[in-house]
Amino acid sequence: MTQDPLFELTRSPQLNVLINRTKEFYENTITDAEFKESIKSLNSFRREFRTFLREQIKFNVMTPLVKEQTQSIEHSLEKIREGLEEMYSYFNDRKQEHIDSGLTKCKSAFEKLHDSIESIQKEEKETQKTYSNAPLQNELMRIGYALIDGKVSPDAFKIKLDSLKNSLRMYYGYFDNIVPQSSETEFLKENGSLIKNCVRDYIKALEEASIFFKDLNTEHIKVGLKKSNEAAEKLIDFQNRLNELKSVKNCFRCGTKNPATAKVCSSCGATLPVMAEEESGESIDLRVDENDNINNTTHAQTELTKKVSDIVSDFKHRKISSSEAKNSLSKIIDSVAQTKKDKDKLQIPNELKENNEYSSIFNKMEDLMVLGLKDMEEGLTKINNCFEIEDDSQIDFGLEQFYSGADNLSKVVVMSESLKNM
């Protein structure tokens, strides 16, 4: 019997957990509640992952490739959210097609997500000064040494340092739940504790660099970066050894080793699985200019997104009733609906209709506004439905869609400013 492609494992350990749980759910070995928890758990991971990636991207030189892949990352994360939401909708009408379709979307989106991240890291490795073979560590060292040389503020280094520490803690916390591919199982069984110890040493080294913020002695940065790089290089070695294992497929029927690109087993002819190529408050937006200096700008969360976030938070913590939450949200829904009506009043001034550059920006701005308002309205409706049935299990899906729409409206504001200067 050939393996169902739906349950083939991927290069994303966190997604593999959900794939296995889905299989167990179909086999009736886990309950509805356990399966729901798996979906919610992956969605929580996705949110943490998105936050981490956004922090990392702030430090990248914004080349055309990085801009393109950054947009691709955001798109992939949104598709993952949609896939998980579709899987969760199974519990509304018990149609299995929701789970199959949603999981397939997640697998495709995770694959594109990994491709985009690898593209960015490859360009960084080729174009930026190399301090470490580990891309994230290399970025930390680049900014750390820039701080020692007086080129950046301590805040820039602290944000980068905290982001990497949080990433490692997240990885450490999820490590024991990793579902490896068959070729990786023995390796992780033998080396799992060593990898976890290495991650723990990595975090300790970063904590040592953090002592700088207590006495402003840059020696702490130098020592911390040296020790953290040693840990990062060890992790890279483990990863390289894992990648070597992925270059071989073991036939699930007869056990014969086949090249990673093989589609059928060379011994028994069995079909082989396709292997993958293997928010609130004020934030700081950092970009590196052509002179390799880092510039800081600040921007605050919009009043509207904060209101929605606060309403959802208060409802989750039962500080307000469902009716109070609905009443508060209805005003915001009305304001979005009014904005959709007002949008139709936007017109290109007659004297600028022949200006191709102006028209191009205006049209892109209009498209973003339509998409943004649509996502905001749909997200708010989903949130309101959760208030209606007094169930917050799906509320995060609506909140994420609302935020996505709000992000697009933020881009519209920036673009409108550029039009004023034309």
Protein backbone atom coordinates (compact mmCIF):
# COMPACT_ATOMS: atom_id res chain seq x y z
CA MET A 1 0.00 0.00 0.00
CA THR A 2 1.45 3.38 -1.00
CA GLN A 3 1.58 6.22 1.47
CA ASP A 4 -1.17 8.85 1.27
CA PRO A 5 0.53 12.04 -0.06
CA LEU A 6 -1.49 14.06 2.45
CA PHE A 7 0.48 12.47 5.29
CA GLU A 8 3.94 12.73 3.74
CA LEU A 9 6.24 14.62 6.08
CA THR A 10 7.86 17.94 5.16
CA ARG A 11 11.00 19.83 6.11
CA SER A 12 8.99 21.75 8.72
CA PRO A 13 9.06 19.81 12.03
CA GLN A 14 6.23 21.88 13.49
CA LEU A 15 3.96 21.16 10.50
CA ASN A 16 4.88 17.48 10.72
CA VAL A 17 3.32 17.38 14.18
CA LEU A 18 -0.01 18.50 12.74
CA ILE A 19 0.31 16.07 9.81
CA ASN A 20 0.71 13.17 12.23
CA ARG A 21 -2.13 14.41 14.43
CA THR A 22 -4.37 14.64 11.37
CA LYS A 23 -3.60 11.03 10.53
CA GLU A 24 -4.38 10.02 14.11
CA PHE A 25 -7.64 11.98 13.98
CA TYR A 26 -8.69 10.14 10.82
CA GLU A 27 -7.86 6.87 12.56
CA ASN A 28 -10.04 7.92 15.55
CA THR A 29 -7.14 7.61 18.00
CA ILE A 30 -7.39 11.22 19.23
CA THR A 31 -10.40 13.32 20.22
CA ASP A 32 -11.84 16.46 18.62
CA ALA A 33 -10.39 18.54 21.44
CA GLU A 34 -6.88 17.11 20.94
CA PHE A 35 -7.01 17.75 17.19
CA LYS A 36 -8.28 21.30 17.72
CA GLU A 37 -5.41 21.91 20.13
CA SER A 38 -2.90 20.79 17.48
CA ILE A 39 -4.31 23.27 14.96
CA LYS A 40 -4.26 26.09 17.52
CA SER A 41 -0.73 25.15 18.57
CA LEU A 42 0.59 25.45 15.02
CA ASN A 43 -1.21 28.76 14.61
CA SER A 44 0.49 30.02 17.79
CA PHE A 45 3.82 28.91 16.40
CA ARG A 46 3.05 30.70 13.12
CA ARG A 47 2.38 33.95 14.98
CA GLU A 48 5.61 33.65 16.97
CA PHE A 49 7.48 32.79 13.78
CA ARG A 50 6.01 35.80 11.97
CA THR A 51 7.02 38.14 14.79
CA PHE A 52 10.54 36.74 14.79
CA LEU A 53 10.90 36.98 11.01
CA ARG A 54 9.67 40.56 10.94
CA GLU A 55 12.33 41.46 13.50
CA GLN A 56 15.00 39.76 11.40
CA ILE A 57 13.95 41.43 8.16
CA LYS A 58 14.29 44.86 9.77
CA PHE A 59 18.05 44.40 9.71
CA ASN A 60 18.41 43.25 6.12
CA VAL A 61 19.77 45.42 3.35
CA MET A 62 16.58 45.95 1.32
CA THR A 63 17.76 44.73 -2.09
CA PRO A 64 15.17 43.91 -4.78
CA LEU A 65 15.44 40.21 -3.91
CA VAL A 66 14.93 40.83 -0.18
CA LYS A 67 11.90 43.04 -0.89
CA GLU A 68 10.41 40.39 -3.17
CA GLN A 69 11.05 37.51 -0.78
CA THR A 70 9.81 39.54 2.19
CA GLN A 71 6.47 39.98 0.43
CA SER A 72 6.50 36.26 -0.36
CA ILE A 73 7.07 35.45 3.34
CA GLU A 74 4.11 37.58 4.39
CA HIS A 75 1.97 35.95 1.69
CA SER A 76 2.99 32.45 2.82
CA LEU A 77 2.22 33.21 6.46
CA GLU A 78 -1.21 34.48 5.46
CA LYS A 79 -1.85 31.32 3.41
CA ILE A 80 -0.85 29.18 6.41
CA ARG A 81 -3.38 31.08 8.52
CA GLU A 82 -6.06 30.49 5.88
CA GLY A 83 -5.20 26.79 5.72
CA LEU A 84 -5.42 26.34 9.48
CA GLU A 85 -8.68 28.25 9.59
CA GLU A 86 -10.09 26.00 6.86
CA MET A 87 -9.06 22.90 8.83
CA TYR A 88 -10.78 24.29 11.91
CA SER A 89 -14.00 24.90 9.96
CA TYR A 90 -14.43 21.10 9.79
CA PHE A 91 -15.96 21.31 13.26
CA ASN A 92 -18.80 23.45 11.89
CA ASP A 93 -20.14 20.95 9.35
CA ARG A 94 -17.95 17.80 9.80
CA LYS A 95 -16.85 17.79 6.15
CA GLN A 96 -13.47 16.08 5.82
CA GLU A 97 -12.67 18.07 2.68
CA HIS A 98 -11.99 21.11 4.90
CA ILE A 99 -9.19 19.28 6.66
CA ASP A 100 -7.69 17.85 3.46
CA SER A 101 -7.79 21.17 1.64
CA GLY A 102 -6.52 23.19 4.60
CA LEU A 103 -3.61 20.86 5.31
CA THR A 104 -2.63 20.83 1.63
CA LYS A 105 -2.59 24.64 1.62
CA CYS A 106 -0.42 24.67 4.76
CA LYS A 107 2.10 22.28 3.21
CA SER A 108 2.38 24.36 0.05
CA ALA A 109 2.68 27.62 1.99
CA PHE A 110 5.32 26.28 4.39
CA GLU A 111 7.35 25.10 1.39
CA LYS A 112 7.28 28.56 -0.20
CA LEU A 113 8.08 30.11 3.19
CA HIS A 114 11.24 28.04 3.55
CA ASP A 115 12.28 28.82 -0.04
CA SER A 116 11.94 32.57 0.59
CA ILE A 117 13.94 32.46 3.82
CA GLU A 118 16.71 30.46 2.16
CA SER A 119 16.85 32.92 -0.76
CA ILE A 120 17.33 35.85 1.63
CA GLN A 121 19.97 34.04 3.66
CA LYS A 122 21.84 32.98 0.53
CA GLU A 123 22.05 36.56 -0.73
CA GLU A 124 23.17 37.81 2.70
CA LYS A 125 25.92 35.21 2.78
CA GLU A 126 27.11 36.22 -0.68
CA THR A 127 26.94 39.99 -0.27
CA GLN A 128 27.62 40.82 3.38
CA LYS A 129 30.75 40.58 5.47
CA THR A 130 30.99 37.09 6.93
CA TYR A 131 31.58 36.63 10.64
CA SER A 132 29.73 33.32 10.96
CA ASN A 133 28.40 30.51 8.78
CA ALA A 134 25.08 30.79 10.63
CA PRO A 135 23.04 33.58 8.94
CA LEU A 136 21.25 34.85 12.06
CA GLN A 137 24.46 34.79 14.11
CA ASN A 138 26.27 36.60 11.30
CA GLU A 139 23.68 39.39 11.43
CA LEU A 140 24.01 39.66 15.21
CA MET A 141 27.80 39.89 14.97
CA ARG A 142 27.62 42.47 12.20
CA ILE A 143 25.43 44.75 14.30
CA GLY A 144 27.36 43.97 17.51
CA TYR A 145 30.67 45.02 15.99
CA ALA A 146 28.98 48.06 14.46
CA LEU A 147 27.92 49.04 18.00
CA ILE A 148 31.47 48.60 19.30
CA ASP A 149 32.67 50.88 16.47
CA GLY A 150 30.03 53.48 17.37
CA LYS A 151 28.04 53.10 14.12
CA VAL A 152 24.73 52.05 15.68
CA SER A 153 22.82 52.68 18.89
CA PRO A 154 22.64 50.13 21.74
CA ASP A 155 18.89 49.82 21.03
CA ALA A 156 19.61 48.34 17.60
CA PHE A 157 21.82 45.64 19.09
CA LYS A 158 19.39 44.92 21.94
CA ILE A 159 16.45 44.35 19.61
CA LYS A 160 18.49 41.98 17.47
CA LEU A 161 19.88 40.18 20.51
CA ASP A 162 16.47 39.73 22.15
CA SER A 163 14.97 38.54 18.88
CA LEU A 164 17.58 35.80 18.50
CA LYS A 165 17.26 34.75 22.15
CA ASN A 166 13.49 34.45 21.79
CA SER A 167 13.94 32.41 18.62
CA LEU A 168 16.28 29.97 20.37
CA ARG A 169 13.96 29.66 23.37
CA MET A 170 11.08 28.97 21.01
CA TYR A 171 13.12 26.28 19.21
CA TYR A 172 14.21 24.74 22.53
CA GLY A 173 10.63 24.62 23.74
CA TYR A 174 9.35 22.92 20.59
CA PHE A 175 12.32 20.57 20.15
CA ASP A 176 10.85 17.61 22.03
CA ASN A 177 7.72 17.74 19.86
CA ILE A 178 9.62 17.59 16.56
CA VAL A 179 8.40 14.93 14.13
CA PRO A 180 11.44 14.07 11.98
CA GLN A 181 11.49 12.49 8.57
CA SER A 182 12.37 8.79 8.64
CA SER A 183 15.95 9.46 7.54
CA GLU A 184 16.45 11.80 10.51
CA THR A 185 14.97 9.65 13.27
CA GLU A 186 18.10 7.78 14.35
CA PHE A 187 20.26 10.88 14.07
CA LEU A 188 17.98 12.89 16.37
CA LYS A 189 17.67 9.99 18.78
CA GLU A 190 21.49 9.90 19.12
CA ASN A 191 22.13 13.64 19.01
CA GLY A 192 18.96 15.23 20.35
CA SER A 193 20.32 15.90 23.84
CA LEU A 194 23.56 17.29 22.36
CA ILE A 195 21.59 19.69 20.16
CA LYS A 196 19.49 20.87 23.10
CA ASN A 197 22.64 21.42 25.20
CA CYS A 198 24.12 23.40 22.33
CA VAL A 199 21.02 25.61 22.15
CA ARG A 200 21.19 26.13 25.91
CA ASP A 201 24.87 27.18 25.63
CA TYR A 202 23.92 29.49 22.79
CA ILE A 203 21.31 31.25 24.95
CA LYS A 204 23.78 31.56 27.86
CA ALA A 205 26.33 33.17 25.54
CA LEU A 206 23.76 35.70 24.36
CA GLU A 207 22.88 36.44 27.98
CA GLU A 208 26.55 37.17 28.56
CA ALA A 209 26.50 39.70 25.73
CA SER A 210 23.41 41.25 27.35
CA ILE A 211 25.46 42.19 30.45
CA PHE A 212 26.71 45.09 28.31
CA PHE A 213 23.44 46.90 28.97
CA LYS A 214 24.16 46.94 32.71
CA ASP A 215 27.64 48.50 32.67
CA LEU A 216 28.12 49.48 28.96
CA ASN A 217 31.39 47.54 28.84
CA THR A 218 31.81 46.34 25.25
CA GLU A 219 34.00 43.45 26.40
CA HIS A 220 30.77 41.63 27.30
CA ILE A 221 29.69 41.95 23.67
CA LYS A 222 32.99 40.59 22.37
CA VAL A 223 32.98 37.61 24.74
CA GLY A 224 29.30 36.90 24.19
CA LEU A 225 29.63 37.05 20.40
CA LYS A 226 32.65 34.73 20.45
CA LYS A 227 30.92 32.13 22.63
CA SER A 228 27.60 32.41 20.81
CA ASN A 229 29.34 31.94 17.47
CA GLU A 230 30.97 28.73 18.74
CA ALA A 231 27.51 27.42 19.64
CA ALA A 232 26.03 28.61 16.34
CA GLU A 233 28.77 26.83 14.37
CA LYS A 234 28.05 23.59 16.26
CA LEU A 235 24.36 23.90 15.39
CA ILE A 236 25.28 24.47 11.74
CA ASP A 237 27.36 21.29 11.84
CA PHE A 238 24.38 19.33 13.18
CA GLN A 239 22.19 20.84 10.46
CA ASN A 240 24.68 19.96 7.71
CA ARG A 241 24.78 16.37 8.91
CA LEU A 242 20.98 16.29 8.87
CA ASN A 243 20.98 17.69 5.32
CA GLU A 244 23.25 14.86 4.22
CA LEU A 245 20.70 12.36 5.50
CA LYS A 246 17.97 14.14 3.56
CA SER A 247 19.85 13.52 0.30
CA VAL A 248 18.75 9.87 0.52
CA LYS A 249 15.24 8.40 0.47
CA ASN A 250 14.60 5.08 2.21
CA CYS A 251 11.91 3.06 0.49
CA PHE A 252 9.10 2.51 2.97
CA ARG A 253 8.37 -0.91 1.40
CA CYS A 254 11.77 -2.59 1.07
CA GLY A 255 14.15 -0.19 2.83
CA THR A 256 16.41 0.40 -0.20
CA LYS A 257 18.26 3.73 -0.20
CA ASN A 258 17.44 5.89 -3.23
CA PRO A 259 18.66 9.34 -4.43
CA ALA A 260 16.58 12.22 -3.08
CA THR A 261 15.33 13.01 -6.60
CA ALA A 262 14.05 9.46 -7.23
CA LYS A 263 10.32 9.07 -7.77
CA VAL A 264 10.23 5.26 -7.65
CA CYS A 265 12.35 2.75 -5.72
CA SER A 266 15.21 1.30 -7.79
CA SER A 267 14.69 -2.09 -6.13
CA CYS A 268 10.98 -2.79 -5.80
CA GLY A 269 9.44 -0.03 -7.93
CA ALA A 270 7.33 1.45 -5.12
CA THR A 271 6.31 5.09 -5.52
CA LEU A 272 8.47 7.30 -3.30
CA PRO A 273 7.17 10.43 -1.54
CA VAL A 274 8.17 13.78 -2.99
CA MET A 275 10.71 15.32 -0.63
CA ALA A 276 10.77 19.01 0.00
CA GLU A 277 13.62 21.06 -1.30
CA GLU A 278 15.36 20.26 1.28
CA GLU A 279 1.96 43.35 17.93
CA SER A 280 0.95 46.24 20.17
CA GLY A 281 2.85 49.34 21.32
CA GLU A 282 5.69 51.08 19.54
CA SER A 283 8.19 49.26 17.37
CA ILE A 284 11.52 50.26 15.82
CA ASP A 285 12.01 50.03 12.09
CA LEU A 286 15.67 49.53 11.18
CA ARG A 287 17.20 49.70 7.72
CA VAL A 288 20.82 49.60 6.58
CA ASP A 289 21.81 52.30 4.11
CA GLU A 290 24.39 52.19 1.32
CA ASN A 291 27.15 53.15 3.76
CA ASP A 292 26.33 50.16 5.99
CA ASN A 293 24.94 52.45 8.69
CA ILE A 294 21.73 51.58 10.47
CA ASN A 295 19.00 54.21 10.64
CA ASN A 296 16.21 54.17 13.22
CA THR A 297 12.66 55.41 12.74
CA THR A 298 9.68 54.87 15.02
CA HIS A 299 6.06 54.25 14.27
CA ALA A 300 3.16 53.58 16.62
CA GLN A 301 0.34 51.09 16.43
CA THR A 302 -2.74 52.67 14.91
CA GLU A 303 -5.59 53.66 17.18
CA LEU A 304 -8.00 51.37 15.33
CA THR A 305 -5.91 48.17 15.60
CA LYS A 306 -5.26 48.89 19.27
CA LYS A 307 -8.99 49.23 19.94
CA VAL A 308 -9.74 45.88 18.31
CA SER A 309 -6.82 44.23 20.09
CA ASP A 310 -8.00 45.58 23.44
CA ILE A 311 -11.59 44.44 22.87
CA VAL A 312 -10.45 40.91 22.00
CA SER A 313 -8.07 40.80 24.95
CA ASP A 314 -10.76 41.99 27.37
CA PHE A 315 -13.21 39.40 26.01
CA LYS A 316 -10.67 36.57 26.30
CA HIS A 317 -9.93 37.50 29.90
CA ARG A 318 -13.67 37.94 30.55
CA LYS A 319 -13.24 41.54 31.60
CA ILE A 320 -16.22 42.39 29.39
CA SER A 321 -19.30 40.39 28.41
CA SER A 322 -20.00 39.15 24.89
CA SER A 323 -22.69 41.82 24.42
CA GLU A 324 -20.29 44.57 25.52
CA ALA A 325 -17.67 43.23 23.13
CA LYS A 326 -20.19 43.14 20.28
CA ASN A 327 -21.34 46.70 20.95
CA SER A 328 -17.79 48.02 20.98
CA LEU A 329 -16.87 46.13 17.81
CA SER A 330 -19.99 47.18 15.93
CA LYS A 331 -18.81 50.80 15.97
CA ILE A 332 -15.54 49.79 14.36
CA ILE A 333 -17.33 47.63 11.78
CA ASP A 334 -19.48 50.65 10.90
CA SER A 335 -16.39 52.82 10.48
CA VAL A 336 -14.80 50.28 8.11
CA ALA A 337 -18.04 50.07 6.12
CA GLN A 338 -18.12 53.86 5.86
CA THR A 339 -14.51 53.91 4.68
CA LYS A 340 -15.44 51.44 1.92
CA LYS A 341 -18.14 53.87 0.76
CA ASP A 342 -15.79 56.85 0.93
CA LYS A 343 -13.19 54.96 -1.10
CA ASP A 344 -15.33 55.34 -4.20
CA LYS A 345 -14.92 59.11 -3.93
CA LEU A 346 -11.16 58.79 -4.57
CA GLN A 347 -10.35 60.00 -8.06
CA ILE A 348 -7.18 60.91 -9.90
CA PRO A 349 -7.10 64.70 -10.39
CA ASN A 350 -7.76 65.57 -14.04
CA GLU A 351 -4.46 67.40 -14.38
CA LEU A 352 -2.55 64.24 -13.32
CA LYS A 353 -4.39 61.60 -15.34
CA GLU A 354 -1.72 61.73 -18.04
CA ASN A 355 1.07 61.31 -15.47
CA ASN A 356 1.95 57.62 -15.83
CA GLU A 357 4.00 57.45 -12.63
CA TYR A 358 1.25 59.09 -10.58
CA SER A 359 -1.42 56.84 -12.14
CA SER A 360 0.62 53.72 -11.46
CA ILE A 361 1.06 54.54 -7.77
CA PHE A 362 -2.59 55.59 -7.43
CA ASN A 363 -3.84 52.33 -8.96
CA LYS A 364 -1.62 50.22 -6.71
CA MET A 365 -2.80 52.24 -3.74
CA GLU A 366 -6.44 51.68 -4.73
CA ASP A 367 -5.91 47.90 -5.10
CA LEU A 368 -4.25 47.71 -1.67
CA MET A 369 -7.09 49.69 -0.15
CA VAL A 370 -9.73 47.36 -1.61
CA LEU A 371 -7.85 44.29 -0.39
CA GLY A 372 -7.14 45.82 3.01
CA LEU A 373 -10.73 46.87 3.68
CA LYS A 374 -12.00 43.46 2.54
CA ASP A 375 -9.67 41.63 4.97
CA MET A 376 -10.49 44.03 7.78
CA GLU A 377 -14.24 43.61 7.30
CA GLU A 378 -14.06 39.81 7.03
CA GLY A 379 -11.75 39.59 10.03
CA LEU A 380 -14.04 41.75 12.14
CA THR A 381 -17.05 39.65 11.12
CA LYS A 382 -15.27 36.48 12.27
CA ILE A 383 -14.40 38.10 15.58
CA ASN A 384 -18.00 39.26 16.01
CA ASN A 385 -19.24 35.70 15.34
CA CYS A 386 -17.01 34.46 18.16
CA PHE A 387 -18.59 37.05 20.46
CA GLU A 388 -22.01 35.90 19.26
CA ILE A 389 -21.47 32.29 20.36
CA GLU A 390 -19.25 33.26 23.30
CA ASP A 391 -16.40 31.09 21.99
CA ASP A 392 -12.90 32.51 21.51
CA SER A 393 -11.34 29.32 20.05
CA GLN A 394 -11.30 30.79 16.50
CA ILE A 395 -10.97 34.43 17.41
CA ASP A 396 -7.26 34.62 16.57
CA PHE A 397 -7.97 33.72 12.94
CA GLY A 398 -10.26 36.74 12.60
CA LEU A 399 -7.78 38.97 14.41
CA GLU A 400 -4.96 37.90 12.10
CA GLN A 401 -7.03 38.65 9.00
CA PHE A 402 -7.99 42.04 10.42
CA TYR A 403 -4.33 42.88 11.11
CA SER A 404 -3.39 41.81 7.60
CA GLY A 405 -5.94 44.23 6.16
CA ALA A 406 -4.75 46.99 8.49
CA ASP A 407 -1.17 46.44 7.30
CA ASN A 408 -2.29 47.02 3.71
CA LEU A 409 -4.07 50.24 4.71
CA SER A 410 -0.84 51.39 6.39
CA LYS A 411 0.92 50.91 3.06
CA VAL A 412 -1.80 53.02 1.42
CA VAL A 413 -1.05 55.87 3.84
CA VAL A 414 2.66 55.73 2.98
CA MET A 415 1.93 55.69 -0.75
CA SER A 416 -0.47 58.61 -0.44
CA GLU A 417 2.31 60.65 1.11
CA SER A 418 4.51 59.97 -1.90
CA LEU A 419 1.72 61.22 -4.20
CA LYS A 420 1.62 64.54 -2.33
CA ASN A 421 5.22 65.18 -3.34
CA MET A 422 4.65 64.59 -7.04
